[in-house]
Amino acid sequence: MRRKAASKRVTLTDQRFNDEIIYRLINAVMIDGKKSVATRVVYDAMDIIGEKSEEAPIDVFHKAMSNISPVVEVRGKRVGGATYQIPMEVRAERRVALALRWLKKYSESRSGKSMAIRLASEILDASNNQG
């Protein structure tokens, strides 16, 4: 017998923008539980985005997230003895999680001085469909 489905946790919002996805980005950037350092990195990146673009940094970030979020992914489906790759639509929660994971990964691999500069550059590139 299956047990009941786990209930979803309430996601908190960040202090400056009052946004859930920014809060999740801070948690994704965080290393070794140093949330204050991760918060400073993300907010510095948002300040850099605000300086480099004419738009509000939160709007640029949400545009970047919509550009890098996957719509379809292939999943393995076993039929008989063979495994087929079947394209499936990505759930909204997973879409955001993948986008944040990729944003962090490619920001870390960029060349630049600080993580804030690299993160800001990656977000700006993603919002312009370049990253």
N, C-alpha and C. Protein backbone atom coordinates (compact mmCIF):
# COMPACT_ATOMS: atom_id res chain seq x y z
N MET A 1 0.83 -1.19 0.00
CA MET A 1 0.00 0.00 0.00
C MET A 1 0.88 1.25 0.00
N ARG A 2 0.55 2.20 -0.85
CA ARG A 2 1.33 3.43 -0.89
C ARG A 2 0.88 4.40 0.19
N ARG A 3 1.83 5.13 0.70
CA ARG A 3 1.49 6.16 1.68
C ARG A 3 1.05 7.41 0.94
N LYS A 4 0.55 8.39 1.70
CA LYS A 4 0.09 9.62 1.06
C LYS A 4 1.29 10.41 0.52
N ALA A 5 1.04 11.24 -0.48
CA ALA A 5 2.10 12.04 -1.09
C ALA A 5 2.62 13.06 -0.09
N ALA A 6 3.93 13.35 -0.17
CA ALA A 6 4.53 14.33 0.72
C ALA A 6 4.00 15.71 0.39
N SER A 7 3.74 16.49 1.42
CA SER A 7 3.23 17.84 1.19
C SER A 7 4.38 18.76 0.79
N LYS A 8 4.08 19.73 -0.06
CA LYS A 8 5.09 20.68 -0.51
C LYS A 8 5.39 21.67 0.60
N ARG A 9 6.67 21.99 0.77
CA ARG A 9 7.06 22.99 1.75
C ARG A 9 6.76 24.38 1.21
N VAL A 10 6.49 25.30 2.11
CA VAL A 10 6.27 26.68 1.70
C VAL A 10 7.64 27.30 1.45
N THR A 11 7.85 27.83 0.25
CA THR A 11 9.12 28.45 -0.09
C THR A 11 9.14 29.87 0.43
N LEU A 12 10.21 30.24 1.10
CA LEU A 12 10.34 31.59 1.63
C LEU A 12 10.71 32.55 0.51
N THR A 13 10.67 33.84 0.82
CA THR A 13 11.06 34.86 -0.17
C THR A 13 12.29 35.59 0.35
N ASP A 14 13.04 36.21 -0.57
CA ASP A 14 14.23 36.93 -0.15
C ASP A 14 13.83 38.30 0.43
N GLN A 15 14.77 38.97 1.07
CA GLN A 15 14.46 40.21 1.78
C GLN A 15 14.31 41.41 0.85
N ARG A 16 15.17 41.52 -0.16
CA ARG A 16 15.17 42.72 -0.98
C ARG A 16 14.06 42.72 -2.04
N PHE A 17 13.94 41.63 -2.79
CA PHE A 17 12.99 41.59 -3.90
C PHE A 17 11.67 40.89 -3.56
N ASN A 18 11.61 40.24 -2.41
CA ASN A 18 10.42 39.51 -1.97
C ASN A 18 10.00 38.48 -3.04
N ASP A 19 11.00 37.71 -3.52
CA ASP A 19 10.78 36.78 -4.62
C ASP A 19 11.27 35.39 -4.23
N GLU A 20 10.46 34.37 -4.54
CA GLU A 20 10.81 32.99 -4.18
C GLU A 20 11.99 32.46 -4.98
N ILE A 21 12.04 32.79 -6.28
CA ILE A 21 13.08 32.23 -7.14
C ILE A 21 14.45 32.83 -6.80
N ILE A 22 14.49 34.10 -6.41
CA ILE A 22 15.75 34.70 -5.96
C ILE A 22 16.23 33.98 -4.70
N TYR A 23 15.29 33.65 -3.81
CA TYR A 23 15.65 32.92 -2.58
C TYR A 23 16.23 31.55 -2.93
N ARG A 24 15.65 30.90 -3.92
CA ARG A 24 16.17 29.60 -4.35
C ARG A 24 17.53 29.75 -5.02
N LEU A 25 17.74 30.86 -5.73
CA LEU A 25 19.06 31.12 -6.33
C LEU A 25 20.11 31.31 -5.24
N ILE A 26 19.75 32.04 -4.19
CA ILE A 26 20.69 32.23 -3.07
C ILE A 26 21.07 30.88 -2.48
N ASN A 27 20.07 30.01 -2.29
CA ASN A 27 20.37 28.68 -1.75
C ASN A 27 21.21 27.85 -2.71
N ALA A 28 21.02 28.03 -4.02
CA ALA A 28 21.81 27.28 -5.00
C ALA A 28 23.26 27.75 -5.01
N VAL A 29 23.47 29.06 -4.85
CA VAL A 29 24.82 29.63 -4.88
C VAL A 29 25.58 29.33 -3.59
N MET A 30 24.85 29.10 -2.50
CA MET A 30 25.45 28.91 -1.19
C MET A 30 26.40 27.70 -1.15
N ILE A 31 27.56 27.89 -0.54
CA ILE A 31 28.54 26.82 -0.37
C ILE A 31 28.84 26.69 1.12
N ASP A 32 28.85 25.47 1.62
CA ASP A 32 29.19 25.17 3.01
C ASP A 32 28.29 25.89 4.02
N GLY A 33 27.04 26.13 3.67
CA GLY A 33 26.09 26.74 4.60
C GLY A 33 26.29 28.21 4.85
N LYS A 34 27.10 28.88 4.04
CA LYS A 34 27.37 30.31 4.24
C LYS A 34 26.35 31.13 3.47
N LYS A 35 25.17 31.27 4.06
CA LYS A 35 24.07 31.95 3.38
C LYS A 35 24.30 33.45 3.26
N SER A 36 24.94 34.07 4.23
CA SER A 36 25.18 35.51 4.15
C SER A 36 26.11 35.85 2.99
N VAL A 37 27.10 34.99 2.75
CA VAL A 37 28.01 35.19 1.62
C VAL A 37 27.25 35.02 0.30
N ALA A 38 26.42 33.99 0.22
CA ALA A 38 25.64 33.73 -0.99
C ALA A 38 24.66 34.87 -1.25
N THR A 39 24.03 35.39 -0.19
CA THR A 39 23.10 36.50 -0.34
C THR A 39 23.82 37.73 -0.89
N ARG A 40 25.01 38.01 -0.37
CA ARG A 40 25.78 39.16 -0.84
C ARG A 40 26.16 38.98 -2.31
N VAL A 41 26.55 37.76 -2.69
CA VAL A 41 26.92 37.49 -4.08
C VAL A 41 25.74 37.76 -5.01
N VAL A 42 24.57 37.23 -4.66
CA VAL A 42 23.39 37.38 -5.52
C VAL A 42 22.95 38.85 -5.59
N TYR A 43 22.93 39.54 -4.46
CA TYR A 43 22.51 40.94 -4.46
C TYR A 43 23.51 41.83 -5.19
N ASP A 44 24.82 41.53 -5.06
CA ASP A 44 25.83 42.26 -5.83
C ASP A 44 25.64 42.03 -7.33
N ALA A 45 25.32 40.79 -7.70
CA ALA A 45 25.06 40.48 -9.10
C ALA A 45 23.84 41.26 -9.61
N MET A 46 22.81 41.37 -8.78
CA MET A 46 21.61 42.14 -9.17
C MET A 46 21.94 43.62 -9.32
N ASP A 47 22.82 44.15 -8.44
CA ASP A 47 23.25 45.55 -8.57
C ASP A 47 24.01 45.77 -9.87
N ILE A 48 24.88 44.82 -10.24
CA ILE A 48 25.63 44.91 -11.49
C ILE A 48 24.68 44.87 -12.68
N ILE A 49 23.68 44.01 -12.61
CA ILE A 49 22.68 43.92 -13.69
C ILE A 49 21.93 45.25 -13.81
N GLY A 50 21.60 45.84 -12.67
CA GLY A 50 20.91 47.13 -12.68
C GLY A 50 21.74 48.23 -13.32
N GLU A 51 23.05 48.19 -13.11
CA GLU A 51 23.94 49.19 -13.72
C GLU A 51 24.09 48.98 -15.22
N LYS A 52 24.21 47.71 -15.64
CA LYS A 52 24.50 47.41 -17.04
C LYS A 52 23.28 47.46 -17.95
N SER A 53 22.09 47.24 -17.41
CA SER A 53 20.89 47.26 -18.24
C SER A 53 19.97 48.38 -17.79
N GLU A 54 19.07 48.78 -18.68
CA GLU A 54 18.14 49.86 -18.37
C GLU A 54 16.95 49.35 -17.57
N GLU A 55 16.70 48.03 -17.63
CA GLU A 55 15.54 47.45 -16.97
C GLU A 55 15.83 47.18 -15.49
N ALA A 56 14.75 46.85 -14.77
CA ALA A 56 14.90 46.47 -13.36
C ALA A 56 15.59 45.10 -13.30
N PRO A 57 16.52 44.89 -12.35
CA PRO A 57 17.25 43.63 -12.29
C PRO A 57 16.35 42.40 -12.13
N ILE A 58 15.25 42.55 -11.39
CA ILE A 58 14.35 41.41 -11.17
C ILE A 58 13.68 41.01 -12.49
N ASP A 59 13.37 42.00 -13.33
CA ASP A 59 12.75 41.69 -14.63
C ASP A 59 13.75 40.99 -15.55
N VAL A 60 15.00 41.45 -15.53
CA VAL A 60 16.05 40.81 -16.35
C VAL A 60 16.25 39.37 -15.89
N PHE A 61 16.24 39.15 -14.57
CA PHE A 61 16.43 37.81 -14.02
C PHE A 61 15.29 36.89 -14.44
N HIS A 62 14.04 37.36 -14.33
CA HIS A 62 12.90 36.52 -14.71
C HIS A 62 12.89 36.23 -16.21
N LYS A 63 13.33 37.20 -17.02
CA LYS A 63 13.43 36.97 -18.47
C LYS A 63 14.49 35.91 -18.76
N ALA A 64 15.62 35.99 -18.04
CA ALA A 64 16.69 35.00 -18.20
C ALA A 64 16.20 33.61 -17.80
N MET A 65 15.46 33.54 -16.68
CA MET A 65 14.94 32.24 -16.21
C MET A 65 13.98 31.64 -17.23
N SER A 66 13.13 32.47 -17.83
CA SER A 66 12.19 31.93 -18.83
C SER A 66 12.93 31.48 -20.09
N ASN A 67 14.05 32.15 -20.41
CA ASN A 67 14.81 31.76 -21.60
C ASN A 67 15.58 30.46 -21.40
N ILE A 68 16.10 30.22 -20.19
CA ILE A 68 16.93 29.02 -20.00
C ILE A 68 16.15 27.84 -19.45
N SER A 69 14.89 28.03 -19.08
CA SER A 69 14.09 26.93 -18.56
C SER A 69 13.71 25.96 -19.67
N PRO A 70 13.94 24.67 -19.47
CA PRO A 70 13.58 23.70 -20.51
C PRO A 70 12.08 23.44 -20.53
N VAL A 71 11.54 23.19 -21.71
CA VAL A 71 10.11 22.89 -21.85
C VAL A 71 9.92 21.38 -21.98
N VAL A 72 10.83 20.73 -22.72
CA VAL A 72 10.71 19.29 -22.99
C VAL A 72 12.05 18.63 -22.67
N GLU A 73 12.00 17.44 -22.09
CA GLU A 73 13.21 16.64 -21.88
C GLU A 73 12.91 15.21 -22.27
N VAL A 74 13.95 14.45 -22.61
CA VAL A 74 13.73 13.05 -22.96
C VAL A 74 13.93 12.19 -21.72
N ARG A 75 13.05 11.22 -21.56
CA ARG A 75 13.11 10.29 -20.43
C ARG A 75 13.12 8.88 -20.98
N GLY A 76 13.79 8.00 -20.27
CA GLY A 76 13.86 6.60 -20.68
C GLY A 76 12.57 5.87 -20.34
N LYS A 77 12.06 5.10 -21.29
CA LYS A 77 10.84 4.30 -21.07
C LYS A 77 11.15 2.89 -21.50
N ARG A 78 11.03 1.93 -20.58
CA ARG A 78 11.31 0.53 -20.91
C ARG A 78 10.09 -0.12 -21.50
N VAL A 79 10.27 -0.68 -22.71
CA VAL A 79 9.21 -1.44 -23.36
C VAL A 79 9.81 -2.77 -23.74
N GLY A 80 9.36 -3.84 -23.09
CA GLY A 80 9.97 -5.15 -23.32
C GLY A 80 11.38 -5.13 -22.77
N GLY A 81 12.35 -5.42 -23.61
CA GLY A 81 13.75 -5.41 -23.17
C GLY A 81 14.46 -4.15 -23.58
N ALA A 82 13.81 -3.31 -24.39
CA ALA A 82 14.48 -2.13 -24.93
C ALA A 82 14.08 -0.88 -24.14
N THR A 83 14.99 0.09 -24.09
CA THR A 83 14.71 1.38 -23.48
C THR A 83 14.63 2.43 -24.57
N TYR A 84 13.50 3.14 -24.63
CA TYR A 84 13.29 4.17 -25.64
C TYR A 84 13.35 5.54 -24.97
N GLN A 85 13.90 6.51 -25.70
CA GLN A 85 13.94 7.89 -25.23
C GLN A 85 12.64 8.57 -25.67
N ILE A 86 11.81 8.95 -24.71
CA ILE A 86 10.51 9.54 -25.02
C ILE A 86 10.52 11.00 -24.56
N PRO A 87 10.21 11.95 -25.45
CA PRO A 87 10.14 13.35 -25.02
C PRO A 87 8.93 13.58 -24.13
N MET A 88 9.16 14.25 -23.00
CA MET A 88 8.08 14.54 -22.05
C MET A 88 8.18 16.00 -21.62
N GLU A 89 7.04 16.58 -21.28
CA GLU A 89 7.02 17.95 -20.80
C GLU A 89 7.60 18.01 -19.39
N VAL A 90 8.35 19.07 -19.09
CA VAL A 90 9.00 19.23 -17.80
C VAL A 90 8.03 19.94 -16.84
N ARG A 91 7.88 19.40 -15.63
CA ARG A 91 7.04 20.05 -14.62
C ARG A 91 7.63 21.40 -14.23
N ALA A 92 6.79 22.31 -13.75
CA ALA A 92 7.21 23.67 -13.42
C ALA A 92 8.29 23.69 -12.35
N GLU A 93 8.14 22.88 -11.31
CA GLU A 93 9.13 22.83 -10.23
C GLU A 93 10.50 22.40 -10.76
N ARG A 94 10.51 21.35 -11.57
CA ARG A 94 11.76 20.83 -12.14
C ARG A 94 12.37 21.83 -13.12
N ARG A 95 11.51 22.52 -13.86
CA ARG A 95 11.97 23.52 -14.83
C ARG A 95 12.80 24.59 -14.13
N VAL A 96 12.30 25.10 -13.00
CA VAL A 96 13.02 26.13 -12.25
C VAL A 96 14.29 25.55 -11.64
N ALA A 97 14.21 24.33 -11.10
CA ALA A 97 15.38 23.70 -10.48
C ALA A 97 16.50 23.50 -11.50
N LEU A 98 16.15 23.01 -12.68
CA LEU A 98 17.16 22.81 -13.73
C LEU A 98 17.77 24.14 -14.17
N ALA A 99 16.92 25.16 -14.35
CA ALA A 99 17.41 26.47 -14.78
C ALA A 99 18.38 27.05 -13.76
N LEU A 100 18.05 26.95 -12.48
CA LEU A 100 18.95 27.46 -11.44
C LEU A 100 20.25 26.68 -11.39
N ARG A 101 20.15 25.36 -11.53
CA ARG A 101 21.35 24.51 -11.52
C ARG A 101 22.28 24.88 -12.67
N TRP A 102 21.71 25.05 -13.87
CA TRP A 102 22.52 25.40 -15.04
C TRP A 102 23.12 26.80 -14.89
N LEU A 103 22.33 27.73 -14.36
CA LEU A 103 22.81 29.10 -14.17
C LEU A 103 24.03 29.12 -13.25
N LYS A 104 23.96 28.38 -12.16
CA LYS A 104 25.08 28.32 -11.21
C LYS A 104 26.29 27.64 -11.85
N LYS A 105 26.04 26.52 -12.54
CA LYS A 105 27.13 25.74 -13.14
C LYS A 105 27.92 26.56 -14.15
N TYR A 106 27.20 27.24 -15.05
CA TYR A 106 27.89 27.99 -16.10
C TYR A 106 28.44 29.31 -15.59
N SER A 107 27.89 29.85 -14.50
CA SER A 107 28.48 31.04 -13.89
C SER A 107 29.83 30.69 -13.27
N GLU A 108 29.89 29.52 -12.62
CA GLU A 108 31.14 29.11 -11.99
C GLU A 108 32.23 28.84 -13.01
N SER A 109 31.84 28.34 -14.20
CA SER A 109 32.85 27.99 -15.19
C SER A 109 33.29 29.19 -16.04
N ARG A 110 32.64 30.34 -15.90
CA ARG A 110 33.05 31.55 -16.62
C ARG A 110 34.35 32.09 -16.07
N SER A 111 35.04 32.87 -16.90
CA SER A 111 36.23 33.55 -16.39
C SER A 111 35.81 34.94 -15.93
N GLY A 112 36.31 35.33 -14.81
CA GLY A 112 35.97 36.64 -14.26
C GLY A 112 36.52 36.76 -12.86
N LYS A 113 36.43 37.96 -12.30
CA LYS A 113 37.01 38.18 -10.99
C LYS A 113 36.20 37.53 -9.88
N SER A 114 34.99 38.02 -9.65
CA SER A 114 34.21 37.50 -8.53
C SER A 114 33.01 36.71 -9.04
N MET A 115 32.42 35.94 -8.16
CA MET A 115 31.24 35.16 -8.52
C MET A 115 30.08 36.08 -8.86
N ALA A 116 29.99 37.24 -8.20
CA ALA A 116 28.91 38.18 -8.48
C ALA A 116 28.99 38.69 -9.93
N ILE A 117 30.19 38.99 -10.39
CA ILE A 117 30.37 39.48 -11.76
C ILE A 117 30.04 38.37 -12.76
N ARG A 118 30.50 37.16 -12.47
CA ARG A 118 30.23 36.04 -13.38
C ARG A 118 28.75 35.71 -13.43
N LEU A 119 28.08 35.73 -12.27
CA LEU A 119 26.64 35.46 -12.21
C LEU A 119 25.86 36.53 -12.96
N ALA A 120 26.23 37.79 -12.76
CA ALA A 120 25.55 38.89 -13.46
C ALA A 120 25.73 38.76 -14.96
N SER A 121 26.94 38.43 -15.41
CA SER A 121 27.19 38.27 -16.84
C SER A 121 26.37 37.13 -17.42
N GLU A 122 26.28 36.04 -16.69
CA GLU A 122 25.51 34.88 -17.17
C GLU A 122 24.02 35.20 -17.24
N ILE A 123 23.51 35.92 -16.26
CA ILE A 123 22.08 36.30 -16.26
C ILE A 123 21.81 37.26 -17.41
N LEU A 124 22.71 38.22 -17.64
CA LEU A 124 22.52 39.17 -18.75
C LEU A 124 22.56 38.44 -20.10
N ASP A 125 23.50 37.51 -20.25
CA ASP A 125 23.59 36.74 -21.49
C ASP A 125 22.33 35.89 -21.70
N ALA A 126 21.85 35.28 -20.62
CA ALA A 126 20.66 34.44 -20.72
C ALA A 126 19.44 35.26 -21.07
N SER A 127 19.34 36.48 -20.54
CA SER A 127 18.17 37.32 -20.85
C SER A 127 18.21 37.80 -22.30
N ASN A 128 19.42 37.85 -22.88
CA ASN A 128 19.56 38.24 -24.29
C ASN A 128 19.63 37.04 -25.23
N ASN A 129 19.30 35.84 -24.73
CA ASN A 129 19.36 34.59 -25.50
C ASN A 129 20.75 34.30 -26.05
N GLN A 130 21.79 34.62 -25.28
CA GLN A 130 23.16 34.36 -25.73
C GLN A 130 23.84 33.30 -24.86
N GLY A 131 23.45 33.18 -23.61
CA GLY A 131 24.13 32.27 -22.71
C GLY A 131 23.69 30.84 -22.87
